[in-house]
Amino acid sequence: MRNMNLDTCFTVSTLLRATTFAAEKHRSQKRKDVLGTPYINHPIAVVSLMAEVGEVRHDKDLVAAMLHDTVEDTDATPEEIERHFGKYVRDLVMEVTDDKKLSKAERKRLQIEHAPYLTPAAKVIKLADKTANVTDLIASPPVGWERQRRLDYVDWANKVVDRCGLSEHPLTREFKRRVAEARAAQSLR
């Protein structure tokens, strides 16, 4: 077993607490795919992409990525996030949280509009989130999403990623690779 320094232990401990928190909050939610994949798999995929492809090592950024959908999609509150994980994580989660009071079309428009103004950490979460979603479109698309809807999602996600302005980031390159795969897969169906 490798020796872990205290920073690594803290990172693992904090990330496991965030994973437990997210799993509890998302416990009754499923992805929209035919298998009804547990929702928690999505934030885990986002964190994995950030750590493995994006080489993100900042524990608070990874914790925020694990929690990125909790305020938007569960009963978690910003105050609860701050109480458990601190102000930095809360602010980052809120930066990538859509206002569910708005229409879906408006939320999507605002993601494109706001992307250039996100903090660097929020942009990376956004990149990983969109990469994970496009990957899911390839592997196991949502039930009822016909070819055109899947392609429309890919086009929209591409606009968000382009507006993030991180064209040289490894996650952007991975996103573009997966977009090409998604488009190729959709042309065959």
N, C-alpha and C. Protein backbone atom coordinates (compact mmCIF):
# COMPACT_ATOMS: atom_id res chain seq x y z
N MET A 1 0.83 -1.18 0.00
CA MET A 1 0.00 0.00 0.00
C MET A 1 0.88 1.24 0.00
N ARG A 2 0.54 2.18 -0.85
CA ARG A 2 1.30 3.42 -0.90
C ARG A 2 1.00 4.26 0.32
N ASN A 3 1.98 5.04 0.72
CA ASN A 3 1.75 5.99 1.81
C ASN A 3 0.95 7.15 1.28
N MET A 4 -0.07 7.51 2.01
CA MET A 4 -0.87 8.66 1.63
C MET A 4 -0.51 9.81 2.56
N ASN A 5 -0.35 10.99 1.99
CA ASN A 5 -0.12 12.12 2.87
C ASN A 5 -1.45 12.61 3.42
N LEU A 6 -1.41 13.53 4.36
CA LEU A 6 -2.65 13.99 4.99
C LEU A 6 -3.58 14.69 4.01
N ASP A 7 -3.01 15.41 3.04
CA ASP A 7 -3.85 16.07 2.05
C ASP A 7 -4.63 15.05 1.24
N THR A 8 -3.99 13.96 0.83
CA THR A 8 -4.67 12.91 0.08
C THR A 8 -5.77 12.28 0.92
N CYS A 9 -5.47 12.00 2.19
CA CYS A 9 -6.48 11.43 3.08
C CYS A 9 -7.67 12.37 3.23
N PHE A 10 -7.38 13.66 3.38
CA PHE A 10 -8.45 14.64 3.51
C PHE A 10 -9.30 14.65 2.25
N THR A 11 -8.64 14.63 1.10
CA THR A 11 -9.36 14.65 -0.17
C THR A 11 -10.26 13.43 -0.29
N VAL A 12 -9.74 12.27 -0.02
CA VAL A 12 -10.53 11.04 -0.12
C VAL A 12 -11.68 11.07 0.87
N SER A 13 -11.41 11.45 2.10
CA SER A 13 -12.44 11.50 3.13
C SER A 13 -13.56 12.48 2.76
N THR A 14 -13.17 13.65 2.33
CA THR A 14 -14.15 14.67 1.95
C THR A 14 -14.95 14.23 0.72
N LEU A 15 -14.28 13.66 -0.25
CA LEU A 15 -14.97 13.20 -1.45
C LEU A 15 -15.92 12.05 -1.13
N LEU A 16 -15.53 11.17 -0.23
CA LEU A 16 -16.43 10.09 0.17
C LEU A 16 -17.65 10.64 0.93
N ARG A 17 -17.44 11.64 1.76
CA ARG A 17 -18.58 12.27 2.44
C ARG A 17 -19.53 12.90 1.42
N ALA A 18 -18.96 13.56 0.42
CA ALA A 18 -19.78 14.19 -0.62
C ALA A 18 -20.52 13.13 -1.45
N THR A 19 -19.85 12.02 -1.72
CA THR A 19 -20.49 10.94 -2.48
C THR A 19 -21.65 10.35 -1.68
N THR A 20 -21.44 10.15 -0.40
CA THR A 20 -22.50 9.64 0.46
C THR A 20 -23.67 10.62 0.50
N PHE A 21 -23.37 11.90 0.64
CA PHE A 21 -24.40 12.94 0.66
C PHE A 21 -25.18 12.92 -0.65
N ALA A 22 -24.47 12.92 -1.77
CA ALA A 22 -25.13 12.92 -3.08
C ALA A 22 -25.95 11.65 -3.28
N ALA A 23 -25.41 10.51 -2.88
CA ALA A 23 -26.14 9.24 -3.03
C ALA A 23 -27.43 9.26 -2.22
N GLU A 24 -27.36 9.81 -1.04
CA GLU A 24 -28.56 9.90 -0.20
C GLU A 24 -29.59 10.84 -0.84
N LYS A 25 -29.13 11.97 -1.32
CA LYS A 25 -30.05 12.95 -1.92
C LYS A 25 -30.66 12.43 -3.22
N HIS A 26 -29.88 11.71 -4.01
CA HIS A 26 -30.35 11.21 -5.31
C HIS A 26 -30.91 9.78 -5.22
N ARG A 27 -31.08 9.25 -4.01
CA ARG A 27 -31.37 7.82 -3.83
C ARG A 27 -32.58 7.31 -4.59
N SER A 28 -33.60 8.10 -4.77
CA SER A 28 -34.80 7.62 -5.47
C SER A 28 -34.80 8.00 -6.95
N GLN A 29 -33.75 8.64 -7.41
CA GLN A 29 -33.70 9.10 -8.79
C GLN A 29 -32.97 8.10 -9.69
N LYS A 30 -33.45 8.03 -10.91
CA LYS A 30 -32.86 7.17 -11.93
C LYS A 30 -32.54 8.02 -13.14
N ARG A 31 -31.57 7.60 -13.92
CA ARG A 31 -31.31 8.24 -15.21
C ARG A 31 -32.46 7.87 -16.14
N LYS A 32 -32.57 8.54 -17.26
CA LYS A 32 -33.70 8.33 -18.17
C LYS A 32 -33.48 7.19 -19.15
N ASP A 33 -32.40 6.43 -18.99
CA ASP A 33 -32.11 5.35 -19.92
C ASP A 33 -33.01 4.14 -19.68
N VAL A 34 -32.97 3.20 -20.59
CA VAL A 34 -33.83 2.02 -20.53
C VAL A 34 -33.56 1.18 -19.27
N LEU A 35 -32.35 1.21 -18.78
CA LEU A 35 -31.99 0.43 -17.59
C LEU A 35 -32.40 1.12 -16.29
N GLY A 36 -32.74 2.40 -16.36
CA GLY A 36 -33.06 3.13 -15.14
C GLY A 36 -31.84 3.18 -14.22
N THR A 37 -30.71 3.50 -14.80
CA THR A 37 -29.45 3.56 -14.06
C THR A 37 -29.58 4.49 -12.86
N PRO A 38 -29.05 4.08 -11.70
CA PRO A 38 -29.11 4.97 -10.53
C PRO A 38 -28.46 6.32 -10.86
N TYR A 39 -29.12 7.39 -10.46
CA TYR A 39 -28.66 8.73 -10.80
C TYR A 39 -27.24 9.00 -10.30
N ILE A 40 -26.90 8.45 -9.15
CA ILE A 40 -25.59 8.72 -8.55
C ILE A 40 -24.45 8.38 -9.49
N ASN A 41 -24.68 7.47 -10.43
CA ASN A 41 -23.64 7.13 -11.40
C ASN A 41 -23.19 8.35 -12.20
N HIS A 42 -24.11 9.30 -12.42
CA HIS A 42 -23.76 10.49 -13.20
C HIS A 42 -22.74 11.37 -12.49
N PRO A 43 -22.99 11.82 -11.25
CA PRO A 43 -21.95 12.64 -10.61
C PRO A 43 -20.64 11.88 -10.41
N ILE A 44 -20.71 10.59 -10.20
CA ILE A 44 -19.48 9.80 -10.09
C ILE A 44 -18.71 9.87 -11.42
N ALA A 45 -19.43 9.76 -12.54
CA ALA A 45 -18.78 9.86 -13.86
C ALA A 45 -18.17 11.23 -14.07
N VAL A 46 -18.86 12.27 -13.62
CA VAL A 46 -18.35 13.64 -13.76
C VAL A 46 -17.05 13.80 -12.99
N VAL A 47 -17.02 13.33 -11.74
CA VAL A 47 -15.81 13.42 -10.92
C VAL A 47 -14.69 12.59 -11.55
N SER A 48 -15.02 11.41 -12.03
CA SER A 48 -14.01 10.56 -12.66
C SER A 48 -13.39 11.24 -13.88
N LEU A 49 -14.21 11.85 -14.71
CA LEU A 49 -13.70 12.57 -15.87
C LEU A 49 -12.80 13.73 -15.45
N MET A 50 -13.22 14.46 -14.44
CA MET A 50 -12.40 15.58 -13.98
C MET A 50 -11.05 15.09 -13.47
N ALA A 51 -11.05 14.03 -12.67
CA ALA A 51 -9.82 13.54 -12.07
C ALA A 51 -8.92 12.83 -13.09
N GLU A 52 -9.51 11.98 -13.91
CA GLU A 52 -8.72 11.14 -14.81
C GLU A 52 -8.34 11.86 -16.11
N VAL A 53 -9.30 12.50 -16.74
CA VAL A 53 -9.02 13.17 -18.02
C VAL A 53 -8.53 14.60 -17.77
N GLY A 54 -9.23 15.30 -16.90
CA GLY A 54 -8.90 16.70 -16.64
C GLY A 54 -7.78 16.91 -15.66
N GLU A 55 -7.34 15.83 -15.01
CA GLU A 55 -6.25 15.88 -14.03
C GLU A 55 -6.50 16.89 -12.91
N VAL A 56 -7.77 17.06 -12.53
CA VAL A 56 -8.13 17.95 -11.43
C VAL A 56 -7.76 17.26 -10.13
N ARG A 57 -7.06 17.96 -9.27
CA ARG A 57 -6.65 17.41 -7.99
C ARG A 57 -7.18 18.22 -6.81
N HIS A 58 -7.79 19.35 -7.10
CA HIS A 58 -8.30 20.21 -6.03
C HIS A 58 -9.54 19.56 -5.43
N ASP A 59 -9.43 19.16 -4.17
CA ASP A 59 -10.50 18.38 -3.54
C ASP A 59 -11.83 19.12 -3.52
N LYS A 60 -11.83 20.41 -3.31
CA LYS A 60 -13.10 21.14 -3.24
C LYS A 60 -13.79 21.20 -4.60
N ASP A 61 -13.00 21.24 -5.67
CA ASP A 61 -13.59 21.21 -7.01
C ASP A 61 -14.23 19.85 -7.28
N LEU A 62 -13.57 18.78 -6.86
CA LEU A 62 -14.12 17.44 -7.04
C LEU A 62 -15.37 17.23 -6.17
N VAL A 63 -15.35 17.77 -4.96
CA VAL A 63 -16.52 17.69 -4.09
C VAL A 63 -17.69 18.44 -4.72
N ALA A 64 -17.44 19.63 -5.23
CA ALA A 64 -18.51 20.40 -5.89
C ALA A 64 -19.05 19.65 -7.11
N ALA A 65 -18.17 18.98 -7.85
CA ALA A 65 -18.62 18.19 -8.99
C ALA A 65 -19.53 17.05 -8.55
N MET A 66 -19.18 16.40 -7.44
CA MET A 66 -20.02 15.32 -6.93
C MET A 66 -21.40 15.85 -6.55
N LEU A 67 -21.46 17.08 -6.10
CA LEU A 67 -22.71 17.67 -5.62
C LEU A 67 -23.39 18.56 -6.66
N HIS A 68 -22.87 18.60 -7.88
CA HIS A 68 -23.31 19.61 -8.84
C HIS A 68 -24.80 19.60 -9.16
N ASP A 69 -25.48 18.48 -9.02
CA ASP A 69 -26.91 18.42 -9.32
C ASP A 69 -27.79 18.36 -8.07
N THR A 70 -27.21 18.39 -6.89
CA THR A 70 -28.03 18.16 -5.69
C THR A 70 -29.02 19.30 -5.42
N VAL A 71 -28.60 20.54 -5.56
CA VAL A 71 -29.52 21.65 -5.30
C VAL A 71 -30.55 21.74 -6.41
N GLU A 72 -30.11 21.50 -7.64
CA GLU A 72 -31.00 21.59 -8.80
C GLU A 72 -32.05 20.47 -8.82
N ASP A 73 -31.66 19.26 -8.42
CA ASP A 73 -32.52 18.11 -8.65
C ASP A 73 -33.00 17.38 -7.39
N THR A 74 -32.64 17.87 -6.20
CA THR A 74 -33.07 17.22 -4.97
C THR A 74 -33.54 18.27 -3.98
N ASP A 75 -33.80 17.84 -2.76
CA ASP A 75 -34.22 18.79 -1.74
C ASP A 75 -33.04 19.44 -1.00
N ALA A 76 -31.82 19.20 -1.47
CA ALA A 76 -30.65 19.83 -0.86
C ALA A 76 -30.73 21.35 -1.04
N THR A 77 -30.27 22.06 -0.04
CA THR A 77 -30.28 23.52 -0.10
C THR A 77 -28.84 24.04 -0.16
N PRO A 78 -28.67 25.25 -0.67
CA PRO A 78 -27.33 25.85 -0.66
C PRO A 78 -26.76 25.93 0.76
N GLU A 79 -27.62 26.24 1.71
CA GLU A 79 -27.17 26.35 3.10
C GLU A 79 -26.67 25.00 3.63
N GLU A 80 -27.35 23.95 3.25
CA GLU A 80 -26.95 22.61 3.66
C GLU A 80 -25.59 22.24 3.06
N ILE A 81 -25.40 22.58 1.79
CA ILE A 81 -24.11 22.33 1.14
C ILE A 81 -23.01 23.09 1.88
N GLU A 82 -23.27 24.34 2.19
CA GLU A 82 -22.26 25.15 2.89
C GLU A 82 -21.98 24.60 4.29
N ARG A 83 -22.99 24.19 4.98
CA ARG A 83 -22.82 23.65 6.34
C ARG A 83 -21.93 22.40 6.33
N HIS A 84 -22.13 21.55 5.35
CA HIS A 84 -21.38 20.29 5.30
C HIS A 84 -20.04 20.40 4.58
N PHE A 85 -19.94 21.30 3.58
CA PHE A 85 -18.76 21.29 2.71
C PHE A 85 -18.10 22.65 2.53
N GLY A 86 -18.65 23.69 3.13
CA GLY A 86 -18.02 25.01 3.08
C GLY A 86 -18.56 25.92 1.99
N LYS A 87 -18.21 27.19 2.14
CA LYS A 87 -18.71 28.24 1.25
C LYS A 87 -18.19 28.06 -0.18
N TYR A 88 -16.92 27.70 -0.33
CA TYR A 88 -16.35 27.54 -1.67
C TYR A 88 -17.15 26.51 -2.46
N VAL A 89 -17.41 25.36 -1.85
CA VAL A 89 -18.16 24.29 -2.54
C VAL A 89 -19.58 24.77 -2.84
N ARG A 90 -20.19 25.41 -1.85
CA ARG A 90 -21.55 25.93 -2.07
C ARG A 90 -21.58 26.88 -3.26
N ASP A 91 -20.67 27.84 -3.30
CA ASP A 91 -20.65 28.82 -4.38
C ASP A 91 -20.43 28.15 -5.74
N LEU A 92 -19.57 27.15 -5.78
CA LEU A 92 -19.30 26.45 -7.03
C LEU A 92 -20.51 25.63 -7.48
N VAL A 93 -21.14 24.96 -6.54
CA VAL A 93 -22.36 24.21 -6.88
C VAL A 93 -23.43 25.17 -7.42
N MET A 94 -23.60 26.29 -6.76
CA MET A 94 -24.63 27.24 -7.20
C MET A 94 -24.30 27.85 -8.56
N GLU A 95 -23.03 27.98 -8.84
CA GLU A 95 -22.62 28.54 -10.13
C GLU A 95 -23.04 27.65 -11.30
N VAL A 96 -23.11 26.34 -11.08
CA VAL A 96 -23.49 25.41 -12.15
C VAL A 96 -24.92 24.90 -12.01
N THR A 97 -25.67 25.49 -11.09
CA THR A 97 -27.05 25.07 -10.83
C THR A 97 -28.02 25.91 -11.66
N ASP A 98 -28.89 25.23 -12.41
CA ASP A 98 -29.94 25.91 -13.16
C ASP A 98 -31.08 26.29 -12.22
N ASP A 99 -31.76 27.37 -12.57
CA ASP A 99 -32.95 27.79 -11.83
C ASP A 99 -34.14 27.03 -12.40
N LYS A 100 -34.63 26.04 -11.65
CA LYS A 100 -35.72 25.19 -12.12
C LYS A 100 -37.06 25.93 -12.23
N LYS A 101 -37.13 27.16 -11.77
CA LYS A 101 -38.36 27.94 -11.93
C LYS A 101 -38.50 28.43 -13.38
N LEU A 102 -37.40 28.42 -14.11
CA LEU A 102 -37.41 28.85 -15.51
C LEU A 102 -37.77 27.68 -16.41
N SER A 103 -38.24 28.00 -17.61
CA SER A 103 -38.54 26.95 -18.58
C SER A 103 -37.25 26.24 -18.99
N LYS A 104 -37.40 25.03 -19.47
CA LYS A 104 -36.24 24.27 -19.93
C LYS A 104 -35.50 25.02 -21.03
N ALA A 105 -36.24 25.60 -21.97
CA ALA A 105 -35.62 26.35 -23.07
C ALA A 105 -34.82 27.54 -22.55
N GLU A 106 -35.36 28.22 -21.57
CA GLU A 106 -34.66 29.38 -20.99
C GLU A 106 -33.41 28.93 -20.22
N ARG A 107 -33.52 27.84 -19.49
CA ARG A 107 -32.35 27.32 -18.75
C ARG A 107 -31.24 26.95 -19.73
N LYS A 108 -31.61 26.32 -20.83
CA LYS A 108 -30.60 25.93 -21.82
C LYS A 108 -29.97 27.17 -22.47
N ARG A 109 -30.79 28.16 -22.77
CA ARG A 109 -30.27 29.41 -23.36
C ARG A 109 -29.29 30.07 -22.40
N LEU A 110 -29.66 30.11 -21.12
CA LEU A 110 -28.80 30.76 -20.13
C LEU A 110 -27.49 30.01 -19.92
N GLN A 111 -27.51 28.69 -20.04
CA GLN A 111 -26.25 27.95 -19.92
C GLN A 111 -25.27 28.39 -21.01
N ILE A 112 -25.77 28.56 -22.22
CA ILE A 112 -24.91 29.03 -23.31
C ILE A 112 -24.44 30.45 -23.02
N GLU A 113 -25.36 31.31 -22.64
CA GLU A 113 -25.04 32.71 -22.40
C GLU A 113 -24.05 32.89 -21.25
N HIS A 114 -24.21 32.15 -20.17
CA HIS A 114 -23.37 32.33 -18.98
C HIS A 114 -22.03 31.60 -19.03
N ALA A 115 -21.88 30.64 -19.93
CA ALA A 115 -20.67 29.81 -19.96
C ALA A 115 -19.36 30.60 -19.96
N PRO A 116 -19.24 31.68 -20.74
CA PRO A 116 -17.95 32.38 -20.74
C PRO A 116 -17.62 33.06 -19.41
N TYR A 117 -18.61 33.28 -18.59
CA TYR A 117 -18.43 34.05 -17.36
C TYR A 117 -18.29 33.17 -16.12
N LEU A 118 -18.32 31.86 -16.31
CA LEU A 118 -18.13 30.96 -15.19
C LEU A 118 -16.69 31.03 -14.70
N THR A 119 -16.48 30.71 -13.44
CA THR A 119 -15.11 30.60 -12.93
C THR A 119 -14.44 29.42 -13.62
N PRO A 120 -13.12 29.38 -13.62
CA PRO A 120 -12.43 28.24 -14.24
C PRO A 120 -12.89 26.89 -13.67
N ALA A 121 -13.07 26.79 -12.37
CA ALA A 121 -13.50 25.52 -11.78
C ALA A 121 -14.90 25.14 -12.25
N ALA A 122 -15.80 26.11 -12.34
CA ALA A 122 -17.16 25.83 -12.82
C ALA A 122 -17.15 25.40 -14.28
N LYS A 123 -16.28 25.99 -15.07
CA LYS A 123 -16.16 25.59 -16.48
C LYS A 123 -15.74 24.13 -16.59
N VAL A 124 -14.82 23.71 -15.74
CA VAL A 124 -14.36 22.32 -15.80
C VAL A 124 -15.48 21.37 -15.39
N ILE A 125 -16.25 21.73 -14.37
CA ILE A 125 -17.41 20.91 -13.99
C ILE A 125 -18.39 20.84 -15.16
N LYS A 126 -18.64 21.96 -15.79
CA LYS A 126 -19.55 22.00 -16.94
C LYS A 126 -19.03 21.09 -18.06
N LEU A 127 -17.73 21.16 -18.35
CA LEU A 127 -17.13 20.31 -19.38
C LEU A 127 -17.32 18.83 -19.05
N ALA A 128 -17.03 18.47 -17.82
CA ALA A 128 -17.15 17.06 -17.41
C ALA A 128 -18.61 16.62 -17.45
N ASP A 129 -19.51 17.47 -17.03
CA ASP A 129 -20.94 17.16 -17.03
C ASP A 129 -21.43 16.90 -18.45
N LYS A 130 -21.09 17.79 -19.35
CA LYS A 130 -21.53 17.63 -20.74
C LYS A 130 -20.87 16.40 -21.38
N THR A 131 -19.63 16.13 -21.04
CA THR A 131 -18.94 14.94 -21.56
C THR A 131 -19.63 13.68 -21.08
N ALA A 132 -19.96 13.64 -19.80
CA ALA A 132 -20.66 12.47 -19.26
C ALA A 132 -22.02 12.29 -19.92
N ASN A 133 -22.74 13.37 -20.12
CA ASN A 133 -24.07 13.28 -20.74
C ASN A 133 -23.99 12.80 -22.19
N VAL A 134 -23.03 13.32 -22.94
CA VAL A 134 -22.88 12.88 -24.34
C VAL A 134 -22.47 11.41 -24.38
N THR A 135 -21.61 11.01 -23.45
CA THR A 135 -21.22 9.60 -23.36
C THR A 135 -22.44 8.72 -23.13
N ASP A 136 -23.33 9.16 -22.24
CA ASP A 136 -24.55 8.40 -21.98
C ASP A 136 -25.45 8.34 -23.21
N LEU A 137 -25.46 9.39 -24.01
CA LEU A 137 -26.26 9.37 -25.25
C LEU A 137 -25.77 8.27 -26.19
N ILE A 138 -24.47 8.01 -26.16
CA ILE A 138 -23.90 6.97 -27.02
C ILE A 138 -24.23 5.59 -26.44
N ALA A 139 -23.94 5.42 -25.16
CA ALA A 139 -24.03 4.10 -24.53
C ALA A 139 -25.46 3.67 -24.22
N SER A 140 -26.26 4.61 -23.73
CA SER A 140 -27.60 4.25 -23.28
C SER A 140 -28.49 5.49 -23.30
N PRO A 141 -29.00 5.85 -24.47
CA PRO A 141 -29.78 7.09 -24.59
C PRO A 141 -31.07 7.05 -23.77
N PRO A 142 -31.55 8.24 -23.40
CA PRO A 142 -32.81 8.29 -22.67
C PRO A 142 -33.95 7.66 -23.47
N VAL A 143 -34.83 6.99 -22.78
CA VAL A 143 -36.00 6.37 -23.40
C VAL A 143 -36.83 7.47 -24.07
N GLY A 144 -37.23 7.23 -25.30
CA GLY A 144 -38.09 8.17 -26.01
C GLY A 144 -37.36 9.28 -26.72
N TRP A 145 -36.05 9.35 -26.56
CA TRP A 145 -35.29 10.37 -27.26
C TRP A 145 -34.96 9.85 -28.65
N GLU A 146 -35.67 10.33 -29.63
CA GLU A 146 -35.43 9.93 -31.01
C GLU A 146 -34.12 10.56 -31.50
N ARG A 147 -33.69 10.13 -32.64
CA ARG A 147 -32.41 10.55 -33.22
C ARG A 147 -32.24 12.07 -33.20
N GLN A 148 -33.23 12.81 -33.66
CA GLN A 148 -33.09 14.26 -33.77
C GLN A 148 -32.94 14.91 -32.40
N ARG A 149 -33.66 14.43 -31.42
CA ARG A 149 -33.54 15.01 -30.08
C ARG A 149 -32.13 14.76 -29.53
N ARG A 150 -31.59 13.58 -29.77
CA ARG A 150 -30.22 13.30 -29.32
C ARG A 150 -29.22 14.21 -30.02
N LEU A 151 -29.39 14.39 -31.32
CA LEU A 151 -28.49 15.28 -32.06
C LEU A 151 -28.64 16.73 -31.60
N ASP A 152 -29.87 17.14 -31.31
CA ASP A 152 -30.09 18.50 -30.80
C ASP A 152 -29.38 18.70 -29.46
N TYR A 153 -29.42 17.67 -28.60
CA TYR A 153 -28.72 17.77 -27.32
C TYR A 153 -27.22 17.91 -27.55
N VAL A 154 -26.67 17.11 -28.44
CA VAL A 154 -25.24 17.18 -28.73
C VAL A 154 -24.87 18.56 -29.25
N ASP A 155 -25.68 19.12 -30.15
CA ASP A 155 -25.40 20.45 -30.69
C ASP A 155 -25.45 21.51 -29.59
N TRP A 156 -26.45 21.43 -28.71
CA TRP A 156 -26.57 22.39 -27.62
C TRP A 156 -25.39 22.26 -26.66
N ALA A 157 -25.06 21.04 -26.25
CA ALA A 157 -23.94 20.82 -25.33
C ALA A 157 -22.65 21.35 -25.95
N ASN A 158 -22.49 21.17 -27.25
CA ASN A 158 -21.31 21.67 -27.95
C ASN A 158 -21.23 23.20 -27.85
N LYS A 159 -22.36 23.88 -27.96
CA LYS A 159 -22.38 25.34 -27.83
C LYS A 159 -21.95 25.76 -26.43
N VAL A 160 -22.46 25.06 -25.42
CA VAL A 160 -22.08 25.39 -24.03
C VAL A 160 -20.57 25.21 -23.86
N VAL A 161 -20.05 24.09 -24.30
CA VAL A 161 -18.62 23.80 -24.15
C VAL A 161 -17.78 24.82 -24.93
N ASP A 162 -18.18 25.15 -26.14
CA ASP A 162 -17.44 26.14 -26.92
C ASP A 162 -17.39 27.48 -26.21
N ARG A 163 -18.50 27.86 -25.60
CA ARG A 163 -18.56 29.16 -24.91
C ARG A 163 -17.75 29.17 -23.61
N CYS A 164 -17.41 28.00 -23.10
CA CYS A 164 -16.54 27.94 -21.91
C CYS A 164 -15.15 28.46 -22.24
N GLY A 165 -14.75 28.38 -23.50
CA GLY A 165 -13.49 28.96 -23.92
C GLY A 165 -12.25 28.22 -23.43
N LEU A 166 -12.36 26.93 -23.22
CA LEU A 166 -11.21 26.13 -22.77
C LEU A 166 -10.81 25.13 -23.85
N SER A 167 -10.58 25.63 -25.05
CA SER A 167 -10.37 24.74 -26.20
C SER A 167 -9.16 23.82 -26.04
N GLU A 168 -8.17 24.20 -25.27
CA GLU A 168 -6.97 23.37 -25.10
C GLU A 168 -7.04 22.47 -23.87
N HIS A 169 -8.11 22.54 -23.13
CA HIS A 169 -8.24 21.72 -21.92
C HIS A 169 -8.45 20.26 -22.33
N PRO A 170 -7.83 19.31 -21.63
CA PRO A 170 -8.00 17.89 -21.98
C PRO A 170 -9.45 17.44 -21.97
N LEU A 171 -10.27 18.01 -21.09
CA LEU A 171 -11.69 17.64 -21.07
C LEU A 171 -12.42 18.13 -22.32
N THR A 172 -12.03 19.28 -22.83
CA THR A 172 -12.65 19.77 -24.06
C THR A 172 -12.30 18.84 -25.22
N ARG A 173 -11.05 18.43 -25.28
CA ARG A 173 -10.65 17.49 -26.34
C ARG A 173 -11.42 16.18 -26.22
N GLU A 174 -11.58 15.69 -24.98
CA GLU A 174 -12.35 14.45 -24.76
C GLU A 174 -13.82 14.65 -25.14
N PHE A 175 -14.38 15.79 -24.78
CA PHE A 175 -15.76 16.09 -25.15
C PHE A 175 -15.92 16.06 -26.67
N LYS A 176 -15.02 16.72 -27.38
CA LYS A 176 -15.11 16.77 -28.85
C LYS A 176 -15.00 15.37 -29.45
N ARG A 177 -14.14 14.54 -28.88
CA ARG A 177 -14.01 13.16 -29.36
C ARG A 177 -15.32 12.41 -29.18
N ARG A 178 -15.93 12.59 -28.02
CA ARG A 178 -17.19 11.89 -27.75
C ARG A 178 -18.34 12.46 -28.55
N VAL A 179 -18.32 13.74 -28.84
CA VAL A 179 -19.33 14.33 -29.72
C VAL A 179 -19.25 13.69 -31.10
N ALA A 180 -18.04 13.53 -31.60
CA ALA A 180 -17.87 12.89 -32.91
C ALA A 180 -18.41 11.46 -32.87
N GLU A 181 -18.15 10.74 -31.79
CA GLU A 181 -18.68 9.38 -31.65
C GLU A 181 -20.21 9.41 -31.59
N ALA A 182 -20.76 10.35 -30.85
CA ALA A 182 -22.22 10.44 -30.72
C ALA A 182 -22.86 10.74 -32.07
N ARG A 183 -22.28 11.66 -32.81
CA ARG A 183 -22.83 12.00 -34.13
C ARG A 183 -22.74 10.81 -35.08
N ALA A 184 -21.63 10.10 -35.03
CA ALA A 184 -21.46 8.92 -35.89
C ALA A 184 -22.48 7.84 -35.49
N ALA A 185 -22.66 7.64 -34.19
CA ALA A 185 -23.62 6.62 -33.72
C ALA A 185 -25.05 6.99 -34.12
N GLN A 186 -25.39 8.28 -34.05
CA GLN A 186 -26.74 8.70 -34.39
C GLN A 186 -27.00 8.58 -35.88
N SER A 187 -25.96 8.74 -36.70
CA SER A 187 -26.16 8.65 -38.16
C SER A 187 -26.45 7.21 -38.57
N LEU A 188 -26.10 6.26 -37.72
CA LEU A 188 -26.35 4.86 -38.03
C LEU A 188 -27.73 4.38 -37.58
N ARG A 189 -28.41 5.18 -36.80
CA ARG A 189 -29.71 4.74 -36.26
C ARG A 189 -30.86 5.33 -37.00
